[in-house]
Amino acid sequence: MKELRAERGWSQQDLAERLEVSRQSVNAIETGKYDPSLPLAFRIAEVFAMRIEEIFLKG
Protein backbone atom coordinates (compact mmCIF):
# COMPACT_ATOMS: atom_id res chain seq x y z
CA MET A 1 0.00 0.00 0.00
CA LYS A 2 2.90 2.34 0.75
CA GLU A 3 4.14 2.01 -2.84
CA LEU A 4 0.69 2.74 -4.26
CA ARG A 5 0.39 5.80 -2.05
CA ALA A 6 3.86 7.03 -3.03
CA GLU A 7 3.12 6.55 -6.75
CA ARG A 8 0.27 9.00 -6.36
CA GLY A 9 2.34 11.50 -4.39
CA TRP A 10 0.09 11.19 -1.34
CA SER A 11 1.26 11.54 2.24
CA GLN A 12 -0.04 9.19 4.90
CA GLN A 13 -2.28 12.05 6.02
CA ASP A 14 -3.65 12.47 2.47
CA LEU A 15 -4.56 8.79 2.30
CA ALA A 16 -5.98 8.83 5.81
CA GLU A 17 -8.32 11.67 4.88
CA ARG A 18 -9.48 9.83 1.76
CA LEU A 19 -10.15 6.71 3.86
CA GLU A 20 -11.65 8.62 6.80
CA VAL A 21 -9.19 7.05 9.27
CA SER A 22 -6.29 8.40 11.29
CA ARG A 23 -2.79 8.80 9.89
CA GLN A 24 -1.68 6.36 12.59
CA SER A 25 -4.04 3.74 11.15
CA VAL A 26 -2.50 4.16 7.69
CA ASN A 27 0.97 3.83 9.20
CA ALA A 28 -0.01 0.69 11.13
CA ILE A 29 -1.41 -0.95 7.98
CA GLU A 30 1.67 -0.02 5.94
CA THR A 31 4.06 -1.40 8.56
CA GLY A 32 2.10 -4.61 9.03
CA LYS A 33 1.13 -3.88 12.63
CA TYR A 34 -2.57 -3.87 11.76
CA ASP A 35 -4.72 -5.69 9.24
CA PRO A 36 -7.58 -3.54 7.95
CA SER A 37 -11.16 -4.61 8.52
CA LEU A 38 -12.99 -5.87 5.46
CA PRO A 39 -14.97 -2.61 5.05
CA LEU A 40 -11.73 -0.62 5.28
CA ALA A 41 -10.03 -2.94 2.79
CA PHE A 42 -12.89 -2.26 0.35
CA ARG A 43 -12.45 1.50 0.86
CA ILE A 44 -8.71 1.20 0.26
CA ALA A 45 -9.38 -0.71 -2.97
CA GLU A 46 -11.89 1.93 -4.05
CA VAL A 47 -9.50 4.82 -3.34
CA PHE A 48 -6.76 3.15 -5.39
CA ALA A 49 -9.24 1.97 -8.08
CA MET A 50 -7.93 -1.58 -7.73
CA ARG A 51 -9.20 -4.95 -6.55
CA ILE A 52 -8.51 -5.92 -2.94
CA GLU A 53 -6.49 -8.90 -4.14
CA GLU A 54 -4.17 -6.65 -6.13
CA ILE A 55 -3.37 -4.60 -3.04
CA PHE A 56 -3.19 -7.14 -0.25
CA LEU A 57 -2.26 -10.50 -1.79
CA LYS A 58 1.39 -10.97 -2.59
CA GLY A 59 2.74 -13.79 -4.77
PDB file of N, CA and C in Angstrom:
ATOM      1  N   MET A   1       0.822  -1.181   0.000  1.00  0.00           N
ATOM      2  CA  MET A   1       0.000   0.000   0.000  1.00  0.00           C
ATOM      3  C   MET A   1       0.872   1.253   0.000  1.00  0.00           C
ATOM      4  N   LYS A   2       1.997   1.182   0.693  1.00  0.00           N
ATOM      5  CA  LYS A   2       2.897   2.337   0.747  1.00  0.00           C
ATOM      6  C   LYS A   2       3.352   2.734  -0.653  1.00  0.00           C
ATOM      7  N   GLU A   3       3.680   1.736  -1.473  1.00  0.00           N
ATOM      8  CA  GLU A   3       4.137   2.013  -2.837  1.00  0.00           C
ATOM      9  C   GLU A   3       3.030   2.661  -3.666  1.00  0.00           C
ATOM     10  N   LEU A   4       1.819   2.164  -3.525  1.00  0.00           N
ATOM     11  CA  LEU A   4       0.688   2.739  -4.264  1.00  0.00           C
ATOM     12  C   LEU A   4       0.459   4.188  -3.851  1.00  0.00           C
ATOM     13  N   ARG A   5       0.571   4.437  -2.563  1.00  0.00           N
ATOM     14  CA  ARG A   5       0.392   5.800  -2.051  1.00  0.00           C
ATOM     15  C   ARG A   5       1.490   6.711  -2.597  1.00  0.00           C
ATOM     16  N   ALA A   6       2.731   6.229  -2.560  1.00  0.00           N
ATOM     17  CA  ALA A   6       3.860   7.030  -3.034  1.00  0.00           C
ATOM     18  C   ALA A   6       3.754   7.319  -4.530  1.00  0.00           C
ATOM     19  N   GLU A   7       3.292   6.343  -5.305  1.00  0.00           N
ATOM     20  CA  GLU A   7       3.122   6.547  -6.751  1.00  0.00           C
ATOM     21  C   GLU A   7       2.178   7.701  -7.051  1.00  0.00           C
ATOM     22  N   ARG A   8       1.245   7.925  -6.158  1.00  0.00           N
ATOM     23  CA  ARG A   8       0.266   9.001  -6.355  1.00  0.00           C
ATOM     24  C   ARG A   8       0.706  10.315  -5.713  1.00  0.00           C
ATOM     25  N   GLY A   9       1.842  10.285  -5.022  1.00  0.00           N
ATOM     26  CA  GLY A   9       2.341  11.496  -4.387  1.00  0.00           C
ATOM     27  C   GLY A   9       1.560  11.892  -3.143  1.00  0.00           C
ATOM     28  N   TRP A  10       0.904  10.916  -2.524  1.00  0.00           N
ATOM     29  CA  TRP A  10       0.092  11.191  -1.344  1.00  0.00           C
ATOM     30  C   TRP A  10       0.903  10.951  -0.082  1.00  0.00           C
ATOM     31  N   SER A  11       0.701  11.782   0.912  1.00  0.00           N
ATOM     32  CA  SER A  11       1.264  11.536   2.239  1.00  0.00           C
ATOM     33  C   SER A  11       0.351  10.551   2.968  1.00  0.00           C
ATOM     34  N   GLN A  12       0.829  10.046   4.099  1.00  0.00           N
ATOM     35  CA  GLN A  12      -0.041   9.187   4.902  1.00  0.00           C
ATOM     36  C   GLN A  12      -1.292   9.951   5.322  1.00  0.00           C
ATOM     37  N   GLN A  13      -1.127  11.235   5.619  1.00  0.00           N
ATOM     38  CA  GLN A  13      -2.279  12.045   6.018  1.00  0.00           C
ATOM     39  C   GLN A  13      -3.276  12.185   4.871  1.00  0.00           C
ATOM     40  N   ASP A  14      -2.766  12.380   3.639  1.00  0.00           N
ATOM     41  CA  ASP A  14      -3.652  12.474   2.467  1.00  0.00           C
ATOM     42  C   ASP A  14      -4.501  11.208   2.334  1.00  0.00           C
ATOM     43  N   LEU A  15      -3.834  10.057   2.429  1.00  0.00           N
ATOM     44  CA  LEU A  15      -4.560   8.792   2.299  1.00  0.00           C
ATOM     45  C   LEU A  15      -5.537   8.613   3.455  1.00  0.00           C
ATOM     46  N   ALA A  16      -5.111   8.956   4.647  1.00  0.00           N
ATOM     47  CA  ALA A  16      -5.984   8.831   5.814  1.00  0.00           C
ATOM     48  C   ALA A  16      -7.269   9.632   5.624  1.00  0.00           C
ATOM     49  N   GLU A  17      -7.140  10.837   5.106  1.00  0.00           N
ATOM     50  CA  GLU A  17      -8.324  11.670   4.876  1.00  0.00           C
ATOM     51  C   GLU A  17      -9.239  11.048   3.835  1.00  0.00           C
ATOM     52  N   ARG A  18      -8.665  10.485   2.789  1.00  0.00           N
ATOM     53  CA  ARG A  18      -9.478   9.829   1.760  1.00  0.00           C
ATOM     54  C   ARG A  18     -10.218   8.608   2.325  1.00  0.00           C
ATOM     55  N   LEU A  19      -9.573   7.925   3.274  1.00  0.00           N
ATOM     56  CA  LEU A  19     -10.155   6.715   3.860  1.00  0.00           C
ATOM     57  C   LEU A  19     -11.000   6.997   5.099  1.00  0.00           C
ATOM     58  N   GLU A  20     -10.940   8.233   5.576  1.00  0.00           N
ATOM     59  CA  GLU A  20     -11.647   8.617   6.798  1.00  0.00           C
ATOM     60  C   GLU A  20     -11.170   7.816   8.003  1.00  0.00           C
ATOM     61  N   VAL A  21      -9.835   7.677   8.110  1.00  0.00           N
ATOM     62  CA  VAL A  21      -9.189   7.048   9.267  1.00  0.00           C
ATOM     63  C   VAL A  21      -8.053   7.958   9.719  1.00  0.00           C
ATOM     64  N   SER A  22      -7.409   7.601  10.805  1.00  0.00           N
ATOM     65  CA  SER A  22      -6.287   8.402  11.286  1.00  0.00           C
ATOM     66  C   SER A  22      -5.020   8.095  10.490  1.00  0.00           C
ATOM     67  N   ARG A  23      -4.078   9.030  10.521  1.00  0.00           N
ATOM     68  CA  ARG A  23      -2.786   8.801   9.886  1.00  0.00           C
ATOM     69  C   ARG A  23      -2.093   7.620  10.556  1.00  0.00           C
ATOM     70  N   GLN A  24      -2.286   7.475  11.862  1.00  0.00           N
ATOM     71  CA  GLN A  24      -1.680   6.363  12.592  1.00  0.00           C
ATOM     72  C   GLN A  24      -2.206   5.020  12.090  1.00  0.00           C
ATOM     73  N   SER A  25      -3.472   4.975  11.704  1.00  0.00           N
ATOM     74  CA  SER A  25      -4.036   3.738  11.148  1.00  0.00           C
ATOM     75  C   SER A  25      -3.381   3.391   9.820  1.00  0.00           C
ATOM     76  N   VAL A  26      -3.177   4.389   8.973  1.00  0.00           N
ATOM     77  CA  VAL A  26      -2.501   4.159   7.693  1.00  0.00           C
ATOM     78  C   VAL A  26      -1.091   3.637   7.952  1.00  0.00           C
ATOM     79  N   ASN A  27      -0.382   4.262   8.873  1.00  0.00           N
ATOM     80  CA  ASN A  27       0.974   3.828   9.201  1.00  0.00           C
ATOM     81  C   ASN A  27       0.981   2.388   9.705  1.00  0.00           C
ATOM     82  N   ALA A  28       0.049   2.044  10.576  1.00  0.00           N
ATOM     83  CA  ALA A  28      -0.009   0.694  11.130  1.00  0.00           C
ATOM     84  C   ALA A  28      -0.287  -0.350  10.048  1.00  0.00           C
ATOM     85  N   ILE A  29      -1.137  -0.026   9.093  1.00  0.00           N
ATOM     86  CA  ILE A  29      -1.408  -0.948   7.985  1.00  0.00           C
ATOM     87  C   ILE A  29      -0.161  -1.096   7.119  1.00  0.00           C
ATOM     88  N   GLU A  30       0.484   0.022   6.803  1.00  0.00           N
ATOM     89  CA  GLU A  30       1.666  -0.023   5.939  1.00  0.00           C
ATOM     90  C   GLU A  30       2.830  -0.776   6.569  1.00  0.00           C
ATOM     91  N   THR A  31       2.950  -0.726   7.883  1.00  0.00           N
ATOM     92  CA  THR A  31       4.063  -1.399   8.557  1.00  0.00           C
ATOM     93  C   THR A  31       3.717  -2.814   9.005  1.00  0.00           C
ATOM     94  N   GLY A  32       2.493  -3.251   8.704  1.00  0.00           N
ATOM     95  CA  GLY A  32       2.100  -4.614   9.029  1.00  0.00           C
ATOM     96  C   GLY A  32       1.706  -4.832  10.477  1.00  0.00           C
ATOM     97  N   LYS A  33       1.523  -3.763  11.224  1.00  0.00           N
ATOM     98  CA  LYS A  33       1.129  -3.884  12.628  1.00  0.00           C
ATOM     99  C   LYS A  33      -0.377  -4.071  12.781  1.00  0.00           C
ATOM    100  N   TYR A  34      -1.105  -3.834  11.712  1.00  0.00           N
ATOM    101  CA  TYR A  34      -2.566  -3.872  11.763  1.00  0.00           C
ATOM    102  C   TYR A  34      -3.085  -4.341  10.418  1.00  0.00           C
ATOM    103  N   ASP A  35      -4.025  -5.272  10.451  1.00  0.00           N
ATOM    104  CA  ASP A  35      -4.718  -5.691   9.235  1.00  0.00           C
ATOM    105  C   ASP A  35      -6.038  -4.935   9.169  1.00  0.00           C
ATOM    106  N   PRO A  36      -6.336  -4.310   8.036  1.00  0.00           N
ATOM    107  CA  PRO A  36      -7.577  -3.542   7.948  1.00  0.00           C
ATOM    108  C   PRO A  36      -8.801  -4.447   8.015  1.00  0.00           C
ATOM    109  N   SER A  37      -9.877  -3.899   8.542  1.00  0.00           N
ATOM    110  CA  SER A  37     -11.156  -4.612   8.521  1.00  0.00           C
ATOM    111  C   SER A  37     -11.583  -4.780   7.064  1.00  0.00           C
ATOM    112  N   LEU A  38     -12.514  -5.668   6.828  1.00  0.00           N
ATOM    113  CA  LEU A  38     -12.993  -5.866   5.459  1.00  0.00           C
ATOM    114  C   LEU A  38     -13.596  -4.590   4.873  1.00  0.00           C
ATOM    115  N   PRO A  39     -14.451  -3.866   5.617  1.00  0.00           N
ATOM    116  CA  PRO A  39     -14.971  -2.611   5.046  1.00  0.00           C
ATOM    117  C   PRO A  39     -13.860  -1.612   4.711  1.00  0.00           C
ATOM    118  N   LEU A  40     -12.838  -1.530   5.562  1.00  0.00           N
ATOM    119  CA  LEU A  40     -11.732  -0.618   5.278  1.00  0.00           C
ATOM    120  C   LEU A  40     -10.938  -1.106   4.072  1.00  0.00           C
ATOM    121  N   ALA A  41     -10.740  -2.402   3.952  1.00  0.00           N
ATOM    122  CA  ALA A  41     -10.034  -2.944   2.786  1.00  0.00           C
ATOM    123  C   ALA A  41     -10.776  -2.589   1.498  1.00  0.00           C
ATOM    124  N   PHE A  42     -12.108  -2.656   1.524  1.00  0.00           N
ATOM    125  CA  PHE A  42     -12.887  -2.264   0.349  1.00  0.00           C
ATOM    126  C   PHE A  42     -12.712  -0.776   0.044  1.00  0.00           C
ATOM    127  N   ARG A  43     -12.661   0.066   1.084  1.00  0.00           N
ATOM    128  CA  ARG A  43     -12.449   1.501   0.864  1.00  0.00           C
ATOM    129  C   ARG A  43     -11.065   1.761   0.280  1.00  0.00           C
ATOM    130  N   ILE A  44     -10.068   1.043   0.783  1.00  0.00           N
ATOM    131  CA  ILE A  44      -8.711   1.197   0.257  1.00  0.00           C
ATOM    132  C   ILE A  44      -8.699   0.837  -1.223  1.00  0.00           C
ATOM    133  N   ALA A  45      -9.319  -0.281  -1.571  1.00  0.00           N
ATOM    134  CA  ALA A  45      -9.379  -0.705  -2.970  1.00  0.00           C
ATOM    135  C   ALA A  45     -10.084   0.343  -3.821  1.00  0.00           C
ATOM    136  N   GLU A  46     -11.152   0.910  -3.306  1.00  0.00           N
ATOM    137  CA  GLU A  46     -11.893   1.931  -4.049  1.00  0.00           C
ATOM    138  C   GLU A  46     -11.040   3.179  -4.268  1.00  0.00           C
ATOM    139  N   VAL A  47     -10.344   3.616  -3.234  1.00  0.00           N
ATOM    140  CA  VAL A  47      -9.503   4.817  -3.336  1.00  0.00           C
ATOM    141  C   VAL A  47      -8.404   4.623  -4.381  1.00  0.00           C
ATOM    142  N   PHE A  48      -7.819   3.429  -4.422  1.00  0.00           N
ATOM    143  CA  PHE A  48      -6.755   3.152  -5.385  1.00  0.00           C
ATOM    144  C   PHE A  48      -7.287   2.652  -6.729  1.00  0.00           C
ATOM    145  N   ALA A  49      -8.604   2.478  -6.850  1.00  0.00           N
ATOM    146  CA  ALA A  49      -9.241   1.975  -8.075  1.00  0.00           C
ATOM    147  C   ALA A  49      -8.630   0.638  -8.491  1.00  0.00           C
ATOM    148  N   MET A  50      -8.500  -0.248  -7.505  1.00  0.00           N
ATOM    149  CA  MET A  50      -7.934  -1.576  -7.731  1.00  0.00           C
ATOM    150  C   MET A  50      -8.788  -2.603  -6.994  1.00  0.00           C
ATOM    151  N   ARG A  51      -8.539  -3.882  -7.292  1.00  0.00           N
ATOM    152  CA  ARG A  51      -9.199  -4.952  -6.551  1.00  0.00           C
ATOM    153  C   ARG A  51      -8.440  -5.191  -5.247  1.00  0.00           C
ATOM    154  N   ILE A  52      -9.144  -5.630  -4.229  1.00  0.00           N
ATOM    155  CA  ILE A  52      -8.509  -5.918  -2.936  1.00  0.00           C
ATOM    156  C   ILE A  52      -7.334  -6.869  -3.115  1.00  0.00           C
ATOM    157  N   GLU A  53      -7.526  -7.893  -3.937  1.00  0.00           N
ATOM    158  CA  GLU A  53      -6.486  -8.897  -4.137  1.00  0.00           C
ATOM    159  C   GLU A  53      -5.200  -8.281  -4.680  1.00  0.00           C
ATOM    160  N   GLU A  54      -5.341  -7.290  -5.534  1.00  0.00           N
ATOM    161  CA  GLU A  54      -4.166  -6.648  -6.125  1.00  0.00           C
ATOM    162  C   GLU A  54      -3.369  -5.865  -5.086  1.00  0.00           C
ATOM    163  N   ILE A  55      -4.028  -5.410  -4.056  1.00  0.00           N
ATOM    164  CA  ILE A  55      -3.369  -4.601  -3.038  1.00  0.00           C
ATOM    165  C   ILE A  55      -2.791  -5.461  -1.924  1.00  0.00           C
ATOM    166  N   PHE A  56      -3.564  -6.436  -1.465  1.00  0.00           N
ATOM    167  CA  PHE A  56      -3.194  -7.144  -0.247  1.00  0.00           C
ATOM    168  C   PHE A  56      -2.619  -8.539  -0.441  1.00  0.00           C
ATOM    169  N   LEU A  57      -2.806  -9.161  -1.584  1.00  0.00           N
ATOM    170  CA  LEU A  57      -2.258 -10.499  -1.794  1.00  0.00           C
ATOM    171  C   LEU A  57      -0.949 -10.405  -2.551  1.00  0.00           C
ATOM    172  N   LYS A  58       0.071 -10.970  -1.967  1.00  0.00           N
ATOM    173  CA  LYS A  58       1.394 -10.971  -2.593  1.00  0.00           C
ATOM    174  C   LYS A  58       1.709 -12.390  -3.050  1.00  0.00           C
ATOM    175  N   GLY A  59       2.266 -12.502  -4.264  1.00  0.00           N
ATOM    176  CA  GLY A  59       2.737 -13.787  -4.774  1.00  0.00           C
ATOM    177  C   GLY A  59       1.687 -14.796  -4.807  1.00  0.00           C
TER     178      GLY A  59
END
